[in-house]
PDB file of N, CA and C in Angstrom:
ATOM      1  N   MET A   1     -81.368   1.153   7.219  1.00  0.00           N
ATOM      2  CA  MET A   1     -81.435   2.294   8.088  1.00  0.00           C
ATOM      3  C   MET A   1     -82.300   1.910   9.287  1.00  0.00           C
ATOM      4  N   THR A   2     -81.901   2.346  10.476  1.00  0.00           N
ATOM      5  CA  THR A   2     -82.662   2.036  11.677  1.00  0.00           C
ATOM      6  C   THR A   2     -82.889   3.273  12.540  1.00  0.00           C
ATOM      7  N   VAL A   3     -83.936   3.190  13.327  1.00  0.00           N
ATOM      8  CA  VAL A   3     -84.252   4.187  14.338  1.00  0.00           C
ATOM      9  C   VAL A   3     -84.266   3.440  15.667  1.00  0.00           C
ATOM     10  N   THR A   4     -83.534   3.965  16.651  1.00  0.00           N
ATOM     11  CA  THR A   4     -83.481   3.323  17.959  1.00  0.00           C
ATOM     12  C   THR A   4     -84.123   4.246  18.991  1.00  0.00           C
ATOM     13  N   ILE A   5     -85.081   3.670  19.738  1.00  0.00           N
ATOM     14  CA  ILE A   5     -85.811   4.410  20.757  1.00  0.00           C
ATOM     15  C   ILE A   5     -85.902   3.517  21.988  1.00  0.00           C
ATOM     16  N   ALA A   6     -85.374   3.988  23.106  1.00  0.00           N
ATOM     17  CA  ALA A   6     -85.433   3.243  24.365  1.00  0.00           C
ATOM     18  C   ALA A   6     -84.919   1.807  24.191  1.00  0.00           C
ATOM     19  N   GLY A   7     -83.844   1.653  23.434  1.00  0.00           N
ATOM     20  CA  GLY A   7     -83.241   0.346  23.229  1.00  0.00           C
ATOM     21  C   GLY A   7     -83.923  -0.519  22.189  1.00  0.00           C
ATOM     22  N   ARG A   8     -85.013  -0.074  21.627  1.00  0.00           N
ATOM     23  CA  ARG A   8     -85.727  -0.837  20.593  1.00  0.00           C
ATOM     24  C   ARG A   8     -85.370  -0.283  19.224  1.00  0.00           C
ATOM     25  N   ARG A   9     -85.159  -1.193  18.285  1.00  0.00           N
ATOM     26  CA  ARG A   9     -84.767  -0.811  16.931  1.00  0.00           C
ATOM     27  C   ARG A   9     -85.946  -0.986  15.975  1.00  0.00           C
ATOM     28  N   PHE A  10     -86.130   0.031  15.128  1.00  0.00           N
ATOM     29  CA  PHE A  10     -87.197   0.015  14.132  1.00  0.00           C
ATOM     30  C   PHE A  10     -86.578   0.296  12.768  1.00  0.00           C
ATOM     31  N   PRO A  11     -86.868  -0.548  11.756  1.00  0.00           N
ATOM     32  CA  PRO A  11     -86.333  -0.291  10.419  1.00  0.00           C
ATOM     33  C   PRO A  11     -86.989   0.935   9.793  1.00  0.00           C
ATOM     34  N   LEU A  12     -86.159   1.750   9.142  1.00  0.00           N
ATOM     35  CA  LEU A  12     -86.619   2.979   8.491  1.00  0.00           C
ATOM     36  C   LEU A  12     -86.350   2.888   6.994  1.00  0.00           C
ATOM     37  N   ALA A  13     -87.393   3.026   6.202  1.00  0.00           N
ATOM     38  CA  ALA A  13     -87.253   3.099   4.743  1.00  0.00           C
ATOM     39  C   ALA A  13     -87.349   4.570   4.351  1.00  0.00           C
ATOM     40  N   LEU A  14     -86.304   5.088   3.739  1.00  0.00           N
ATOM     41  CA  LEU A  14     -86.285   6.488   3.324  1.00  0.00           C
ATOM     42  C   LEU A  14     -87.012   6.668   1.997  1.00  0.00           C
ATOM     43  N   GLU A  15     -87.609   7.838   1.837  1.00  0.00           N
ATOM     44  CA  GLU A  15     -88.216   8.211   0.560  1.00  0.00           C
ATOM     45  C   GLU A  15     -87.103   8.438  -0.464  1.00  0.00           C
ATOM     46  N   ASP A  16     -87.459   8.374  -1.713  1.00  0.00           N
ATOM     47  CA  ASP A  16     -86.517   8.667  -2.792  1.00  0.00           C
ATOM     48  C   ASP A  16     -86.716  10.126  -3.195  1.00  0.00           C
ATOM     49  N   ASN A  17     -86.201  11.030  -2.346  1.00  0.00           N
ATOM     50  CA  ASN A  17     -86.340  12.453  -2.649  1.00  0.00           C
ATOM     51  C   ASN A  17     -85.157  13.226  -2.075  1.00  0.00           C
ATOM     52  N   GLU A  18     -85.065  14.484  -2.434  1.00  0.00           N
ATOM     53  CA  GLU A  18     -83.961  15.347  -2.039  1.00  0.00           C
ATOM     54  C   GLU A  18     -83.908  15.550  -0.519  1.00  0.00           C
ATOM     55  N   THR A  19     -85.056  15.624   0.102  1.00  0.00           N
ATOM     56  CA  THR A  19     -85.124  15.823   1.554  1.00  0.00           C
ATOM     57  C   THR A  19     -84.560  14.623   2.291  1.00  0.00           C
ATOM     58  N   ALA A  20     -84.984  13.434   1.903  1.00  0.00           N
ATOM     59  CA  ALA A  20     -84.494  12.215   2.541  1.00  0.00           C
ATOM     60  C   ALA A  20     -82.984  12.057   2.337  1.00  0.00           C
ATOM     61  N   ALA A  21     -82.488  12.400   1.167  1.00  0.00           N
ATOM     62  CA  ALA A  21     -81.049  12.306   0.899  1.00  0.00           C
ATOM     63  C   ALA A  21     -80.272  13.272   1.780  1.00  0.00           C
ATOM     64  N   ALA A  22     -80.780  14.486   1.947  1.00  0.00           N
ATOM     65  CA  ALA A  22     -80.113  15.468   2.805  1.00  0.00           C
ATOM     66  C   ALA A  22     -80.168  15.028   4.265  1.00  0.00           C
ATOM     67  N   PHE A  23     -81.281  14.449   4.683  1.00  0.00           N
ATOM     68  CA  PHE A  23     -81.411  13.939   6.045  1.00  0.00           C
ATOM     69  C   PHE A  23     -80.414  12.798   6.272  1.00  0.00           C
ATOM     70  N   ALA A  24     -80.340  11.867   5.327  1.00  0.00           N
ATOM     71  CA  ALA A  24     -79.429  10.718   5.447  1.00  0.00           C
ATOM     72  C   ALA A  24     -77.975  11.171   5.539  1.00  0.00           C
ATOM     73  N   ALA A  25     -77.640  12.273   4.885  1.00  0.00           N
ATOM     74  CA  ALA A  25     -76.262  12.783   4.926  1.00  0.00           C
ATOM     75  C   ALA A  25     -75.877  13.259   6.327  1.00  0.00           C
ATOM     76  N   LEU A  26     -76.847  13.523   7.178  1.00  0.00           N
ATOM     77  CA  LEU A  26     -76.583  13.965   8.552  1.00  0.00           C
ATOM     78  C   LEU A  26     -76.381  12.802   9.530  1.00  0.00           C
ATOM     79  N   LEU A  27     -76.705  11.604   9.092  1.00  0.00           N
ATOM     80  CA  LEU A  27     -76.703  10.445   9.984  1.00  0.00           C
ATOM     81  C   LEU A  27     -75.315   9.861  10.171  1.00  0.00           C
ATOM     82  N   PRO A  28     -75.072   9.196  11.283  1.00  0.00           N
ATOM     83  CA  PRO A  28     -76.008   8.954  12.382  1.00  0.00           C
ATOM     84  C   PRO A  28     -76.132  10.181  13.282  1.00  0.00           C
ATOM     85  N   MET A  29     -77.304  10.288  13.930  1.00  0.00           N
ATOM     86  CA  MET A  29     -77.494  11.364  14.901  1.00  0.00           C
ATOM     87  C   MET A  29     -78.560  10.982  15.913  1.00  0.00           C
ATOM     88  N   ALA A  30     -78.347  11.424  17.137  1.00  0.00           N
ATOM     89  CA  ALA A  30     -79.310  11.220  18.219  1.00  0.00           C
ATOM     90  C   ALA A  30     -80.010  12.550  18.460  1.00  0.00           C
ATOM     91  N   LEU A  31     -81.331  12.526  18.432  1.00  0.00           N
ATOM     92  CA  LEU A  31     -82.105  13.747  18.585  1.00  0.00           C
ATOM     93  C   LEU A  31     -82.959  13.689  19.845  1.00  0.00           C
ATOM     94  N   PRO A  32     -82.874  14.704  20.693  1.00  0.00           N
ATOM     95  CA  PRO A  32     -83.826  14.799  21.799  1.00  0.00           C
ATOM     96  C   PRO A  32     -85.157  15.286  21.220  1.00  0.00           C
ATOM     97  N   MET A  33     -86.147  14.408  21.202  1.00  0.00           N
ATOM     98  CA  MET A  33     -87.414  14.748  20.564  1.00  0.00           C
ATOM     99  C   MET A  33     -88.466  15.049  21.622  1.00  0.00           C
ATOM    100  N   ARG A  34     -89.195  16.121  21.380  1.00  0.00           N
ATOM    101  CA  ARG A  34     -90.214  16.594  22.316  1.00  0.00           C
ATOM    102  C   ARG A  34     -91.580  16.035  21.943  1.00  0.00           C
ATOM    103  N   GLU A  35     -92.379  15.840  22.946  1.00  0.00           N
ATOM    104  CA  GLU A  35     -93.748  15.336  22.781  1.00  0.00           C
ATOM    105  C   GLU A  35     -94.677  16.447  22.296  1.00  0.00           C
ATOM    106  N   LEU A  36     -95.637  16.079  21.425  1.00  0.00           N
ATOM    107  CA  LEU A  36     -96.646  17.025  20.981  1.00  0.00           C
ATOM    108  C   LEU A  36     -97.938  16.280  20.646  1.00  0.00           C
ATOM    109  N   ASN A  37     -99.027  16.724  21.223  1.00  0.00           N
ATOM    110  CA  ASN A  37    -100.383  16.290  20.869  1.00  0.00           C
ATOM    111  C   ASN A  37    -100.716  14.821  21.119  1.00  0.00           C
ATOM    112  N   GLY A  38     -99.873  14.084  21.817  1.00  0.00           N
ATOM    113  CA  GLY A  38    -100.171  12.673  22.060  1.00  0.00           C
ATOM    114  C   GLY A  38    -100.106  11.808  20.823  1.00  0.00           C
ATOM    115  N   ASN A  39     -99.413  12.316  19.768  1.00  0.00           N
ATOM    116  CA  ASN A  39     -99.305  11.513  18.549  1.00  0.00           C
ATOM    117  C   ASN A  39     -97.984  11.681  17.807  1.00  0.00           C
ATOM    118  N   GLU A  40     -97.112  12.568  18.302  1.00  0.00           N
ATOM    119  CA  GLU A  40     -95.868  12.816  17.570  1.00  0.00           C
ATOM    120  C   GLU A  40     -94.749  13.279  18.496  1.00  0.00           C
ATOM    121  N   LYS A  41     -93.523  13.088  18.021  1.00  0.00           N
ATOM    122  CA  LYS A  41     -92.314  13.623  18.653  1.00  0.00           C
ATOM    123  C   LYS A  41     -91.641  14.496  17.594  1.00  0.00           C
ATOM    124  N   TYR A  42     -91.031  15.592  18.024  1.00  0.00           N
ATOM    125  CA  TYR A  42     -90.419  16.501  17.052  1.00  0.00           C
ATOM    126  C   TYR A  42     -89.091  17.051  17.570  1.00  0.00           C
ATOM    127  N   HIS A  43     -88.265  17.490  16.614  1.00  0.00           N
ATOM    128  CA  HIS A  43     -86.974  18.112  16.926  1.00  0.00           C
ATOM    129  C   HIS A  43     -86.635  19.115  15.826  1.00  0.00           C
ATOM    130  N   TYR A  44     -86.215  20.330  16.244  1.00  0.00           N
ATOM    131  CA  TYR A  44     -85.758  21.339  15.289  1.00  0.00           C
ATOM    132  C   TYR A  44     -84.267  21.154  15.041  1.00  0.00           C
ATOM    133  N   LEU A  45     -83.898  20.956  13.779  1.00  0.00           N
ATOM    134  CA  LEU A  45     -82.502  20.797  13.384  1.00  0.00           C
ATOM    135  C   LEU A  45     -81.781  22.142  13.451  1.00  0.00           C
ATOM    136  N   MET A  46     -80.462  22.104  13.401  1.00  0.00           N
ATOM    137  CA  MET A  46     -79.653  23.332  13.448  1.00  0.00           C
ATOM    138  C   MET A  46     -79.763  24.150  12.162  1.00  0.00           C
ATOM    139  N   GLY A  47     -80.155  23.522  11.083  1.00  0.00           N
ATOM    140  CA  GLY A  47     -80.281  24.224   9.804  1.00  0.00           C
ATOM    141  C   GLY A  47     -81.367  23.590   8.961  1.00  0.00           C
ATOM    142  N   PRO A  48     -81.696  24.206   7.855  1.00  0.00           N
ATOM    143  CA  PRO A  48     -82.786  23.716   7.012  1.00  0.00           C
ATOM    144  C   PRO A  48     -82.387  22.532   6.134  1.00  0.00           C
ATOM    145  N   LEU A  49     -83.392  21.772   5.755  1.00  0.00           N
ATOM    146  CA  LEU A  49     -83.271  20.726   4.739  1.00  0.00           C
ATOM    147  C   LEU A  49     -84.117  21.168   3.551  1.00  0.00           C
ATOM    148  N   PRO A  50     -83.840  20.625   2.369  1.00  0.00           N
ATOM    149  CA  PRO A  50     -84.700  20.949   1.221  1.00  0.00           C
ATOM    150  C   PRO A  50     -86.142  20.519   1.544  1.00  0.00           C
ATOM    151  N   ALA A  51     -87.079  21.382   1.317  1.00  0.00           N
ATOM    152  CA  ALA A  51     -88.479  21.079   1.634  1.00  0.00           C
ATOM    153  C   ALA A  51     -89.340  21.198   0.385  1.00  0.00           C
ATOM    154  N   HIS A  52     -90.235  20.253   0.248  1.00  0.00           N
ATOM    155  CA  HIS A  52     -91.223  20.251  -0.830  1.00  0.00           C
ATOM    156  C   HIS A  52     -92.542  19.845  -0.200  1.00  0.00           C
ATOM    157  N   GLU A  53     -93.079  20.732   0.614  1.00  0.00           N
ATOM    158  CA  GLU A  53     -94.270  20.430   1.394  1.00  0.00           C
ATOM    159  C   GLU A  53     -95.473  20.123   0.512  1.00  0.00           C
ATOM    160  N   GLN A  54     -96.283  19.201   1.020  1.00  0.00           N
ATOM    161  CA  GLN A  54     -97.538  18.884   0.357  1.00  0.00           C
ATOM    162  C   GLN A  54     -98.582  18.556   1.410  1.00  0.00           C
ATOM    163  N   ALA A  55     -99.824  18.762   1.077  1.00  0.00           N
ATOM    164  CA  ALA A  55    -100.916  18.394   1.971  1.00  0.00           C
ATOM    165  C   ALA A  55    -101.026  16.876   1.927  1.00  0.00           C
ATOM    166  N   VAL A  56    -100.641  16.212   3.008  1.00  0.00           N
ATOM    167  CA  VAL A  56    -100.628  14.749   3.021  1.00  0.00           C
ATOM    168  C   VAL A  56    -101.988  14.161   3.357  1.00  0.00           C
ATOM    169  N   GLY A  57    -102.855  14.937   4.020  1.00  0.00           N
ATOM    170  CA  GLY A  57    -104.202  14.470   4.332  1.00  0.00           C
ATOM    171  C   GLY A  57    -104.275  13.530   5.515  1.00  0.00           C
ATOM    172  N   HIS A  58    -103.363  12.588   5.583  1.00  0.00           N
ATOM    173  CA  HIS A  58    -103.348  11.582   6.659  1.00  0.00           C
ATOM    174  C   HIS A  58    -101.902  11.185   6.935  1.00  0.00           C
ATOM    175  N   VAL A  59    -101.578  11.019   8.205  1.00  0.00           N
ATOM    176  CA  VAL A  59    -100.282  10.454   8.580  1.00  0.00           C
ATOM    177  C   VAL A  59    -100.535   9.124   9.277  1.00  0.00           C
ATOM    178  N   ASP A  60     -99.580   8.236   9.167  1.00  0.00           N
ATOM    179  CA  ASP A  60     -99.657   6.929   9.813  1.00  0.00           C
ATOM    180  C   ASP A  60     -98.597   6.825  10.888  1.00  0.00           C
ATOM    181  N   ALA A  61     -98.832   5.973  11.855  1.00  0.00           N
ATOM    182  CA  ALA A  61     -97.811   5.675  12.856  1.00  0.00           C
ATOM    183  C   ALA A  61     -96.565   5.202  12.123  1.00  0.00           C
ATOM    184  N   GLY A  62     -95.424   5.781  12.475  1.00  0.00           N
ATOM    185  CA  GLY A  62     -94.168   5.415  11.832  1.00  0.00           C
ATOM    186  C   GLY A  62     -93.724   6.371  10.747  1.00  0.00           C
ATOM    187  N   ASP A  63     -94.587   7.304  10.352  1.00  0.00           N
ATOM    188  CA  ASP A  63     -94.174   8.293   9.354  1.00  0.00           C
ATOM    189  C   ASP A  63     -93.123   9.228   9.957  1.00  0.00           C
ATOM    190  N   VAL A  64     -92.085   9.515   9.179  1.00  0.00           N
ATOM    191  CA  VAL A  64     -91.064  10.491   9.550  1.00  0.00           C
ATOM    192  C   VAL A  64     -91.141  11.585   8.490  1.00  0.00           C
ATOM    193  N   MET A  65     -91.428  12.815   8.943  1.00  0.00           N
ATOM    194  CA  MET A  65     -91.638  13.902   7.999  1.00  0.00           C
ATOM    195  C   MET A  65     -90.933  15.170   8.458  1.00  0.00           C
ATOM    196  N   LEU A  66     -90.818  16.081   7.523  1.00  0.00           N
ATOM    197  CA  LEU A  66     -90.248  17.388   7.795  1.00  0.00           C
ATOM    198  C   LEU A  66     -91.382  18.407   7.802  1.00  0.00           C
ATOM    199  N   PHE A  67     -91.471  19.170   8.889  1.00  0.00           N
ATOM    200  CA  PHE A  67     -92.436  20.260   8.984  1.00  0.00           C
ATOM    201  C   PHE A  67     -91.656  21.551   8.785  1.00  0.00           C
ATOM    202  N   GLY A  68     -92.088  22.350   7.840  1.00  0.00           N
ATOM    203  CA  GLY A  68     -91.296  23.529   7.477  1.00  0.00           C
ATOM    204  C   GLY A  68     -90.005  23.072   6.818  1.00  0.00           C
ATOM    205  N   GLU A  69     -88.894  23.731   7.171  1.00  0.00           N
ATOM    206  CA  GLU A  69     -87.600  23.356   6.589  1.00  0.00           C
ATOM    207  C   GLU A  69     -86.656  22.717   7.586  1.00  0.00           C
ATOM    208  N   ASP A  70     -87.020  22.717   8.876  1.00  0.00           N
ATOM    209  CA  ASP A  70     -86.031  22.264   9.863  1.00  0.00           C
ATOM    210  C   ASP A  70     -86.587  21.455  11.027  1.00  0.00           C
ATOM    211  N   CYS A  71     -87.853  21.055  10.958  1.00  0.00           N
ATOM    212  CA  CYS A  71     -88.458  20.307  12.064  1.00  0.00           C
ATOM    213  C   CYS A  71     -88.742  18.871  11.646  1.00  0.00           C
ATOM    214  N   VAL A  72     -87.978  17.924  12.228  1.00  0.00           N
ATOM    215  CA  VAL A  72     -88.179  16.503  11.969  1.00  0.00           C
ATOM    216  C   VAL A  72     -89.265  16.002  12.910  1.00  0.00           C
ATOM    217  N   VAL A  73     -90.243  15.299  12.350  1.00  0.00           N
ATOM    218  CA  VAL A  73     -91.366  14.798  13.134  1.00  0.00           C
ATOM    219  C   VAL A  73     -91.476  13.289  12.944  1.00  0.00           C
ATOM    220  N   LEU A  74     -91.585  12.578  14.069  1.00  0.00           N
ATOM    221  CA  LEU A  74     -91.841  11.139  14.070  1.00  0.00           C
ATOM    222  C   LEU A  74     -93.236  10.940  14.641  1.00  0.00           C
ATOM    223  N   PHE A  75     -94.138  10.405  13.838  1.00  0.00           N
ATOM    224  CA  PHE A  75     -95.511  10.167  14.280  1.00  0.00           C
ATOM    225  C   PHE A  75     -95.635   8.762  14.855  1.00  0.00           C
ATOM    226  N   TYR A  76     -96.286   8.649  16.000  1.00  0.00           N
ATOM    227  CA  TYR A  76     -96.506   7.334  16.583  1.00  0.00           C
ATOM    228  C   TYR A  76     -97.988   6.976  16.667  1.00  0.00           C
ATOM    229  N   GLU A  77     -98.841   7.833  16.156  1.00  0.00           N
ATOM    230  CA  GLU A  77    -100.273   7.572  16.011  1.00  0.00           C
ATOM    231  C   GLU A  77    -100.703   8.119  14.662  1.00  0.00           C
ATOM    232  N   GLY A  78    -101.609   7.424  13.994  1.00  0.00           N
ATOM    233  CA  GLY A  78    -102.130   7.905  12.727  1.00  0.00           C
ATOM    234  C   GLY A  78    -103.322   8.818  12.945  1.00  0.00           C
ATOM    235  N   PHE A  79    -103.513   9.770  12.039  1.00  0.00           N
ATOM    236  CA  PHE A  79    -104.655  10.676  12.117  1.00  0.00           C
ATOM    237  C   PHE A  79    -104.746  11.486  10.828  1.00  0.00           C
ATOM    238  N   ASP A  80    -105.912  12.063  10.591  1.00  0.00           N
ATOM    239  CA  ASP A  80    -106.095  12.969   9.465  1.00  0.00           C
ATOM    240  C   ASP A  80    -105.540  14.335   9.850  1.00  0.00           C
ATOM    241  N   THR A  81    -104.945  15.035   8.880  1.00  0.00           N
ATOM    242  CA  THR A  81    -104.333  16.331   9.174  1.00  0.00           C
ATOM    243  C   THR A  81    -104.471  17.303   8.006  1.00  0.00           C
ATOM    244  N   PRO A  82    -104.683  18.577   8.317  1.00  0.00           N
ATOM    245  CA  PRO A  82    -104.686  19.587   7.263  1.00  0.00           C
ATOM    246  C   PRO A  82    -103.285  20.163   7.021  1.00  0.00           C
ATOM    247  N   TYR A  83    -102.302  19.771   7.839  1.00  0.00           N
ATOM    248  CA  TYR A  83    -100.956  20.346   7.751  1.00  0.00           C
ATOM    249  C   TYR A  83    -100.194  19.819   6.549  1.00  0.00           C
ATOM    250  N   ARG A  84     -99.167  20.568   6.176  1.00  0.00           N
ATOM    251  CA  ARG A  84     -98.329  20.231   5.028  1.00  0.00           C
ATOM    252  C   ARG A  84     -96.965  19.750   5.527  1.00  0.00           C
ATOM    253  N   TYR A  85     -96.464  18.687   4.939  1.00  0.00           N
ATOM    254  CA  TYR A  85     -95.186  18.090   5.326  1.00  0.00           C
ATOM    255  C   TYR A  85     -94.415  17.675   4.085  1.00  0.00           C
ATOM    256  N   THR A  86     -93.126  17.442   4.273  1.00  0.00           N
ATOM    257  CA  THR A  86     -92.290  16.794   3.266  1.00  0.00           C
ATOM    258  C   THR A  86     -91.932  15.427   3.815  1.00  0.00           C
ATOM    259  N   ARG A  87     -92.204  14.393   3.066  1.00  0.00           N
ATOM    260  CA  ARG A  87     -91.934  13.025   3.537  1.00  0.00           C
ATOM    261  C   ARG A  87     -90.429  12.745   3.532  1.00  0.00           C
ATOM    262  N   ILE A  88     -89.960  12.181   4.653  1.00  0.00           N
ATOM    263  CA  ILE A  88     -88.570  11.734   4.769  1.00  0.00           C
ATOM    264  C   ILE A  88     -88.511  10.220   4.672  1.00  0.00           C
ATOM    265  N   GLY A  89     -89.399   9.541   5.357  1.00  0.00           N
ATOM    266  CA  GLY A  89     -89.406   8.085   5.337  1.00  0.00           C
ATOM    267  C   GLY A  89     -90.504   7.529   6.210  1.00  0.00           C
ATOM    268  N   ARG A  90     -90.426   6.206   6.431  1.00  0.00           N
ATOM    269  CA  ARG A  90     -91.444   5.528   7.211  1.00  0.00           C
ATOM    270  C   ARG A  90     -90.824   4.325   7.915  1.00  0.00           C
ATOM    271  N   LEU A  91     -91.179   4.145   9.182  1.00  0.00           N
ATOM    272  CA  LEU A  91     -90.784   2.929   9.886  1.00  0.00           C
ATOM    273  C   LEU A  91     -91.588   1.791   9.291  1.00  0.00           C
ATOM    274  N   THR A  92     -90.916   0.738   8.879  1.00  0.00           N
ATOM    275  CA  THR A  92     -91.611  -0.364   8.218  1.00  0.00           C
ATOM    276  C   THR A  92     -92.210  -1.356   9.201  1.00  0.00           C
ATOM    277  N   GLN A  93     -91.800  -1.268  10.453  1.00  0.00           N
ATOM    278  CA  GLN A  93     -92.397  -2.077  11.522  1.00  0.00           C
ATOM    279  C   GLN A  93     -92.665  -1.127  12.688  1.00  0.00           C
ATOM    280  N   THR A  94     -93.924  -1.064  13.122  1.00  0.00           N
ATOM    281  CA  THR A  94     -94.270  -0.111  14.178  1.00  0.00           C
ATOM    282  C   THR A  94     -94.775  -0.786  15.450  1.00  0.00           C
ATOM    283  N   SER A  95     -94.746  -2.089  15.489  1.00  0.00           N
ATOM    284  CA  SER A  95     -95.182  -2.792  16.698  1.00  0.00           C
ATOM    285  C   SER A  95     -94.305  -2.363  17.875  1.00  0.00           C
ATOM    286  N   GLY A  96     -94.931  -1.858  18.940  1.00  0.00           N
ATOM    287  CA  GLY A  96     -94.201  -1.411  20.117  1.00  0.00           C
ATOM    288  C   GLY A  96     -93.710   0.024  20.048  1.00  0.00           C
ATOM    289  N   LEU A  97     -94.026   0.734  18.963  1.00  0.00           N
ATOM    290  CA  LEU A  97     -93.543   2.109  18.807  1.00  0.00           C
ATOM    291  C   LEU A  97     -94.104   3.025  19.888  1.00  0.00           C
ATOM    292  N   ARG A  98     -95.395   2.957  20.130  1.00  0.00           N
ATOM    293  CA  ARG A  98     -96.021   3.829  21.134  1.00  0.00           C
ATOM    294  C   ARG A  98     -95.402   3.612  22.508  1.00  0.00           C
ATOM    295  N   GLU A  99     -95.154   2.381  22.850  1.00  0.00           N
ATOM    296  CA  GLU A  99     -94.539   2.071  24.147  1.00  0.00           C
ATOM    297  C   GLU A  99     -93.101   2.583  24.204  1.00  0.00           C
ATOM    298  N   ALA A 100     -92.380   2.473  23.116  1.00  0.00           N
ATOM    299  CA  ALA A 100     -90.982   2.902  23.087  1.00  0.00           C
ATOM    300  C   ALA A 100     -90.855   4.421  23.246  1.00  0.00           C
ATOM    301  N   VAL A 101     -91.712   5.182  22.576  1.00  0.00           N
ATOM    302  CA  VAL A 101     -91.601   6.633  22.656  1.00  0.00           C
ATOM    303  C   VAL A 101     -92.112   7.179  23.988  1.00  0.00           C
ATOM    304  N   GLY A 102     -93.024   6.475  24.624  1.00  0.00           N
ATOM    305  CA  GLY A 102     -93.532   6.901  25.923  1.00  0.00           C
ATOM    306  C   GLY A 102     -94.364   8.169  25.836  1.00  0.00           C
ATOM    307  N   ALA A 103     -94.704   8.707  27.011  1.00  0.00           N
ATOM    308  CA  ALA A 103     -95.612   9.849  27.087  1.00  0.00           C
ATOM    309  C   ALA A 103     -94.897  11.199  27.054  1.00  0.00           C
ATOM    310  N   GLY A 104     -93.597  11.230  27.304  1.00  0.00           N
ATOM    311  CA  GLY A 104     -92.886  12.510  27.367  1.00  0.00           C
ATOM    312  C   GLY A 104     -91.839  12.628  26.285  1.00  0.00           C
ATOM    313  N   ASP A 105     -90.870  13.479  26.539  1.00  0.00           N
ATOM    314  CA  ASP A 105     -89.760  13.660  25.607  1.00  0.00           C
ATOM    315  C   ASP A 105     -88.895  12.401  25.598  1.00  0.00           C
ATOM    316  N   VAL A 106     -88.207  12.146  24.481  1.00  0.00           N
ATOM    317  CA  VAL A 106     -87.423  10.926  24.342  1.00  0.00           C
ATOM    318  C   VAL A 106     -86.261  11.166  23.375  1.00  0.00           C
ATOM    319  N   GLU A 107     -85.160  10.456  23.581  1.00  0.00           N
ATOM    320  CA  GLU A 107     -84.049  10.523  22.631  1.00  0.00           C
ATOM    321  C   GLU A 107     -84.276   9.470  21.557  1.00  0.00           C
ATOM    322  N   VAL A 108     -84.162   9.900  20.307  1.00  0.00           N
ATOM    323  CA  VAL A 108     -84.339   9.025  19.166  1.00  0.00           C
ATOM    324  C   VAL A 108     -83.059   9.064  18.337  1.00  0.00           C
ATOM    325  N   THR A 109     -82.484   7.891  18.077  1.00  0.00           N
ATOM    326  CA  THR A 109     -81.260   7.805  17.294  1.00  0.00           C
ATOM    327  C   THR A 109     -81.598   7.321  15.884  1.00  0.00           C
ATOM    328  N   PHE A 110     -81.218   8.114  14.927  1.00  0.00           N
ATOM    329  CA  PHE A 110     -81.370   7.753  13.510  1.00  0.00           C
ATOM    330  C   PHE A 110     -79.988   7.319  13.036  1.00  0.00           C
ATOM    331  N   GLY A 111     -79.890   6.119  12.496  1.00  0.00           N
ATOM    332  CA  GLY A 111     -78.587   5.614  12.072  1.00  0.00           C
ATOM    333  C   GLY A 111     -78.697   4.651  10.919  1.00  0.00           C
ATOM    334  N   GLU A 112     -77.532   4.165  10.517  1.00  0.00           N
ATOM    335  CA  GLU A 112     -77.488   3.244   9.378  1.00  0.00           C
ATOM    336  C   GLU A 112     -77.507   1.814   9.793  1.00  0.00           C
TER     337      GLU A 112
END
């Protein structure tokens, strides 16, 4: 599985859970992702995915998570967080991720 941002490809390892399986069933898809907080990009899907939120405590650059039932979030900076997410997957190589996502909104393609 790969994620393509600004022509750069990043390998994505999906979690072994119901949320990741439902997300994978939607692929391939290109999402216009909006900037938030200088550490993440997000996109609201047209419908919900199965959610099993948990307090993750910390996110790492490259984490792909679901916020609520319909918001896909790609983190490009790590930080501690009190928020609850459902894990979808993780980019296994994040070198150049911050540069690829840039400072504003960006199109992110999730594919096989």
